[in-house]
Every structure is written in structure tokens, then in C-alpha cells.
């Protein structure tokens, strides 16, 4: 079985909104999170779409989906964790408790504030996760990346031809991900940046899926203006 796992735990501090987290802000009269979930909702590959958000926003989120996706029985809204990886583990636990977990269970994890993911990206994530066990969506780095160990001077300029910018989805065989996560030490968990690093730390290859430049993450007020322009021009 294949499941979508939508991480909606952001509080929107960088957006400058004190009213509500950024995933609930509207673009063209529809909350960002709805634009995102719709991309998975129309794909029949998914048995469930699991949306994980802060406890105090669960009822609000359920109400949103009841309004904008009236036949949303496949959408389950549950409490997320304190970190992204804890959130993913909560989703896997939910799957295991409700449907069971086996070696073929695949999760496609995605940011709630990345509404421009395409059907092609989603399908290729599913295919790669089934075949390889772990995959990340990326685009080639277009800017020179500068490394500074002391945050004052340049310590290294890596070869840009080997660098990519990570996006989401990131997709995995859920049972293997859970096993690897709980094999980590606390020190290892503390240096995690995302779930793909769990695989690489344990010696498992993570395969790449080509992303899209317009598969942006809405983080700052500027991103909202870009997102509205993309929708207005029917880029997606």
C-alpha cells in the first residue's frame, strides 16, 4: 500500500503572520494546505492521505478539508511530533495501527506548504521508493554554494556540478525507515536534518527524482506573491 504523509507542523514565524500558521493562509481563496493535499487526493495510488499538524489545529484542519474536499474520507488528520522525523514516525505508527505494516508499505512525505508538486513527481517518487526503498526529490543547484566554517570567511566552495537543492516529496519503504530510525543513537538523532539522512547514515543509498523549479516551499511573504502568480498563470 502507498500512503501520503503531509507534514503541516510549521508555525509561520518567518511569514510574519501571528494569526495562523502559513499552511492555512489562502492563495486565490483556498488555503495552501488544501492546494497541496488536492495533488495527492486525485491520485488513486494512495490508500490514505495522512496530515499531521499541531494538536491545537487538528479540528480546524479537519473542518477545512470538510469544506474544500467534501468526499475526503481518505484524508486523516492527526497530531504531529516535535520534529519532522518524529512526525513521520507518528504517521507510520498510525498506518501500522489501522492497516498494518509490511515490507511493501510506502510513504510519500511532503511539505504542506509546497503546493506545486506535480503528478509526474509524485508518480516517480512512488515508483522509485518501491524499487529502491528511499528517494529524494531534487533540482540541480544553480547558484555557487559557499561554505563557511566560522560564519565569517569562506572555508570551501564545493563543485556545483555535484550539488542539488532538496525539495519534497521524500519517499520510503515505511517499515525499513522505522527500523533504521529506532536503531539510531540519541546523538545521531540530534544531527538529523531529514529522513533521507537516516538512510545515508546507515549505509543505504537514496535515489534521486527530478523536481521542478516551481515546486517551491512557501516560507516568506514574497513566496506568497510568487505562488499567486503561478496559479494565476496556470503554470501547474
Protein backbone atom coordinates (compact mmCIF):
# COMPACT_ATOMS: atom_id res chain seq x y z
CA UNK A 1 0.00 0.00 0.00
CA UNK A 2 1.04 3.59 -0.63
CA UNK A 3 0.35 6.48 1.74
CA UNK A 4 0.82 10.24 1.50
CA UNK A 5 2.23 11.86 4.63
CA UNK A 6 1.76 15.64 4.70
CA UNK A 7 3.81 17.47 7.33
CA UNK A 8 1.89 20.55 8.47
CA UNK A 9 3.70 21.44 11.67
CA UNK A 10 5.04 24.88 10.73
CA UNK A 11 4.06 27.89 12.82
CA UNK A 12 4.82 30.55 10.19
CA UNK A 13 7.24 32.72 12.16
CA UNK A 14 9.20 33.63 9.03
CA UNK A 15 5.97 34.53 7.27
CA UNK A 16 5.34 37.21 9.89
CA UNK A 17 1.77 36.06 10.50
CA UNK A 18 0.62 35.83 14.10
CA UNK A 19 -2.94 34.92 13.11
CA UNK A 20 -2.35 31.36 11.89
CA UNK A 21 0.40 29.07 10.58
CA UNK A 22 1.40 29.64 6.96
CA UNK A 23 -0.19 26.42 5.68
CA UNK A 24 -3.62 27.89 6.46
CA UNK A 25 -3.07 31.17 4.63
CA UNK A 26 -5.10 31.47 1.45
CA UNK A 27 -4.00 31.74 -2.15
CA UNK A 28 -6.85 32.53 -4.54
CA UNK A 29 -9.45 31.93 -1.82
CA UNK A 30 -8.19 28.47 -0.86
CA UNK A 31 -5.80 27.53 1.98
CA UNK A 32 -2.31 26.49 0.89
CA UNK A 33 -2.69 23.12 2.63
CA UNK A 34 -5.77 22.35 0.52
CA UNK A 35 -3.92 23.15 -2.72
CA UNK A 36 -1.22 20.71 -1.57
CA UNK A 37 -3.45 17.86 -0.42
CA UNK A 38 -5.51 18.05 -3.63
CA UNK A 39 -2.43 16.93 -5.59
CA UNK A 40 -2.42 13.67 -3.63
CA UNK A 41 -6.20 13.38 -3.33
CA UNK A 42 -6.66 13.00 -7.08
CA UNK A 43 -4.07 10.21 -7.25
CA UNK A 44 -5.70 6.81 -6.80
CA UNK A 45 -2.40 5.24 -5.73
CA UNK A 46 -2.88 6.46 -2.16
CA UNK A 47 -4.87 4.39 0.33
CA UNK A 48 -4.79 7.27 2.81
CA UNK A 49 -3.54 10.84 2.97
CA UNK A 50 -2.26 11.47 6.49
CA UNK A 51 -1.97 15.13 7.50
CA UNK A 52 0.00 15.81 10.68
CA UNK A 53 -0.37 19.14 12.43
CA UNK A 54 -0.09 20.68 15.93
CA UNK A 55 -2.71 19.38 18.37
CA UNK A 56 -4.46 22.75 18.67
CA UNK A 57 -5.01 22.90 14.89
CA UNK A 58 -6.43 19.39 14.36
CA UNK A 59 -10.12 20.33 14.45
CA UNK A 60 -9.52 23.43 12.34
CA UNK A 61 -7.70 21.34 9.74
CA UNK A 62 -10.45 18.74 9.66
CA UNK A 63 -13.02 21.48 9.15
CA UNK A 64 -11.03 22.88 6.22
CA UNK A 65 -11.00 19.55 4.44
CA UNK A 66 -14.68 19.00 5.14
CA UNK A 67 -15.33 22.32 3.41
CA UNK A 68 -12.98 22.09 0.42
CA UNK A 69 -12.79 18.31 -0.07
CA UNK A 70 -16.29 17.13 0.82
CA UNK A 71 -15.54 13.49 -0.06
CA UNK A 72 -12.35 13.35 1.96
CA UNK A 73 -12.71 10.02 3.76
CA UNK A 74 -9.16 9.11 2.71
CA UNK A 75 -7.77 12.19 4.48
CA UNK A 76 -6.81 11.58 8.11
CA UNK A 77 -5.70 14.47 10.32
CA UNK A 78 -3.61 13.52 13.36
CA UNK A 79 -1.18 15.11 15.79
CA UNK A 80 2.39 15.58 14.60
CA UNK A 81 5.59 15.20 16.59
CA UNK A 82 8.10 17.69 17.97
CA UNK A 83 10.44 17.18 14.99
CA UNK A 84 9.90 16.27 11.37
CA UNK A 85 11.20 12.75 11.86
CA UNK A 86 9.03 12.22 14.94
CA UNK A 87 6.10 13.39 12.85
CA UNK A 88 6.90 10.81 10.18
CA UNK A 89 7.17 8.11 12.86
CA UNK A 90 3.72 9.08 14.13
CA UNK A 91 2.36 8.62 10.63
CA UNK A 92 3.97 5.19 10.34
CA UNK A 93 2.53 4.21 13.73
CA UNK A 94 -0.92 5.33 12.54
CA UNK A 95 -0.59 3.18 9.42
CA UNK A 96 0.56 0.20 11.45
CA UNK A 97 -2.29 0.52 13.95
CA UNK A 98 -5.01 0.93 11.30
CA UNK A 99 -3.86 -1.05 8.26
CA UNK A 100 -0.78 -2.99 9.30
CA UNK A 101 2.79 -2.52 8.11
CA UNK A 102 4.72 -4.78 5.78
CA UNK A 103 7.83 -4.66 3.62
CA UNK A 104 5.86 -3.21 0.71
CA UNK A 105 4.29 -0.27 2.57
CA UNK A 106 5.46 3.01 1.01
CA UNK A 107 5.09 6.54 2.34
CA UNK A 108 5.41 9.69 0.23
CA UNK A 109 6.28 12.50 2.64
CA UNK A 110 5.67 16.10 1.59
CA UNK A 111 5.61 19.65 2.93
CA UNK A 112 2.13 21.11 3.44
CA UNK A 113 3.44 24.43 2.13
CA UNK A 114 4.76 23.04 -1.14
CA UNK A 115 1.54 23.11 -3.23
CA UNK A 116 3.06 22.99 -6.71
CA UNK A 117 4.21 19.38 -6.70
CA UNK A 118 3.30 17.71 -9.98
CA UNK A 119 1.67 14.39 -10.76
CA UNK A 120 4.89 13.34 -12.51
CA UNK A 121 6.98 13.99 -9.39
CA UNK A 122 4.54 12.08 -7.18
CA UNK A 123 4.36 9.09 -9.55
CA UNK A 124 8.14 8.92 -9.92
CA UNK A 125 8.55 9.06 -6.13
CA UNK A 126 6.20 6.11 -5.72
CA UNK A 127 7.99 4.11 -8.40
CA UNK A 128 11.47 4.85 -7.03
CA UNK A 129 10.51 4.12 -3.42
CA UNK A 130 9.03 0.76 -4.41
CA UNK A 131 12.13 -0.13 -6.43
CA UNK A 132 14.91 1.29 -4.24
CA UNK A 133 13.49 1.88 -0.75
CA UNK A 134 14.35 5.58 -0.42
CA UNK A 135 14.20 8.58 -2.72
CA UNK A 136 14.59 12.35 -2.58
CA UNK A 137 13.26 14.99 -4.95
CA UNK A 138 15.96 17.43 -6.06
CA UNK A 139 16.85 20.10 -8.60
CA UNK A 140 20.42 20.95 -9.67
CA UNK A 141 21.97 23.82 -7.75
CA UNK A 142 22.06 26.92 -9.95
CA UNK A 143 23.98 29.23 -7.61
CA UNK A 144 27.51 28.73 -6.35
CA UNK A 145 27.39 27.27 -2.84
CA UNK A 146 29.82 28.82 -0.38
CA UNK A 147 30.79 27.02 2.84
CA UNK A 148 31.96 28.95 5.90
CA UNK A 149 33.06 27.02 8.99
CA UNK A 150 33.37 30.15 11.13
CA UNK A 151 30.46 32.06 9.51
CA UNK A 152 32.87 34.88 8.67
CA UNK A 153 35.18 33.64 5.92
CA UNK A 154 34.99 31.13 3.08
CA UNK A 155 36.30 27.71 4.03
CA UNK A 156 35.23 25.83 0.90
CA UNK A 157 33.45 26.25 -2.43
CA UNK A 158 32.11 22.82 -3.46
CA UNK A 159 31.85 21.72 -7.09
CA UNK A 160 28.41 22.97 -8.12
CA UNK A 161 28.02 20.25 -10.75
CA UNK A 162 27.66 17.70 -7.94
CA UNK A 163 25.24 19.74 -5.82
CA UNK A 164 21.46 19.66 -5.70
CA UNK A 165 18.77 21.52 -3.82
CA UNK A 166 16.47 19.25 -1.90
CA UNK A 167 12.71 19.51 -2.27
CA UNK A 168 9.92 17.17 -1.28
CA UNK A 169 8.44 14.58 -1.66
CA UNK A 170 10.87 12.25 0.06
CA UNK A 171 9.59 8.70 -0.16
CA UNK A 172 10.45 5.50 1.66
CA UNK A 173 9.58 1.94 2.45
CA UNK A 174 7.96 2.67 5.80
CA UNK A 175 8.96 -0.46 7.69
CA UNK A 176 12.62 -0.07 6.78
CA UNK A 177 12.58 3.63 7.70
CA UNK A 178 11.13 2.82 11.11
CA UNK A 179 13.73 0.13 11.74
CA UNK A 180 16.59 2.44 10.78
CA UNK A 181 15.25 5.36 12.82
CA UNK A 182 14.97 3.37 16.02
CA UNK A 183 18.46 1.94 15.51
CA UNK A 184 19.95 5.45 15.78
CA UNK A 185 21.60 6.69 18.96
CA UNK A 186 20.28 9.88 20.57
CA UNK A 187 23.39 11.72 19.34
CA UNK A 188 22.68 10.54 15.80
CA UNK A 189 19.05 11.64 16.04
CA UNK A 190 20.18 15.08 17.20
CA UNK A 191 22.10 15.74 13.96
CA UNK A 192 19.35 14.63 11.60
CA UNK A 193 18.20 17.15 9.02
CA UNK A 194 15.60 14.97 7.30
CA UNK A 195 14.56 11.35 6.84
CA UNK A 196 16.88 10.80 3.87
CA UNK A 197 19.85 11.31 6.17
CA UNK A 198 18.68 8.33 8.25
CA UNK A 199 19.23 6.09 5.23
CA UNK A 200 22.58 7.60 4.28
CA UNK A 201 23.85 7.41 7.88
CA UNK A 202 23.04 3.70 7.91
CA UNK A 203 24.71 2.99 4.58
CA UNK A 204 21.59 2.79 2.40
CA UNK A 205 21.51 4.55 -0.95
CA UNK A 206 18.93 7.26 -1.55
CA UNK A 207 17.92 7.65 -5.18
CA UNK A 208 17.09 10.96 -6.85
CA UNK A 209 13.88 12.06 -8.53
CA UNK A 210 13.97 15.20 -10.68
CA UNK A 211 12.00 18.02 -9.10
CA UNK A 212 10.78 21.24 -10.69
CA UNK A 213 11.96 24.80 -10.14
CA UNK A 214 8.35 25.86 -9.50
CA UNK A 215 7.92 23.21 -6.76
CA UNK A 216 8.58 25.97 -4.24
CA UNK A 217 8.16 25.91 -0.48
CA UNK A 218 6.10 28.87 0.71
CA UNK A 219 8.07 30.33 3.61
CA UNK A 220 8.24 34.11 3.26
CA UNK A 221 5.70 36.78 2.19
CA UNK A 222 7.50 37.01 -1.17
CA UNK A 223 6.74 33.32 -1.77
CA UNK A 224 3.02 34.02 -1.42
CA UNK A 225 3.21 36.54 -4.27
CA UNK A 226 5.13 34.06 -6.43
CA UNK A 227 2.59 31.33 -5.64
CA UNK A 228 -0.33 33.55 -6.61
CA UNK A 229 1.37 34.40 -9.90
CA UNK A 230 1.93 30.70 -10.64
CA UNK A 231 -1.73 29.95 -10.00
CA UNK A 232 -2.96 32.96 -11.98
CA UNK A 233 -0.88 31.94 -14.99
CA UNK A 234 -1.87 28.28 -14.65
CA UNK A 235 1.76 27.19 -14.53
CA UNK A 236 0.72 23.99 -12.75
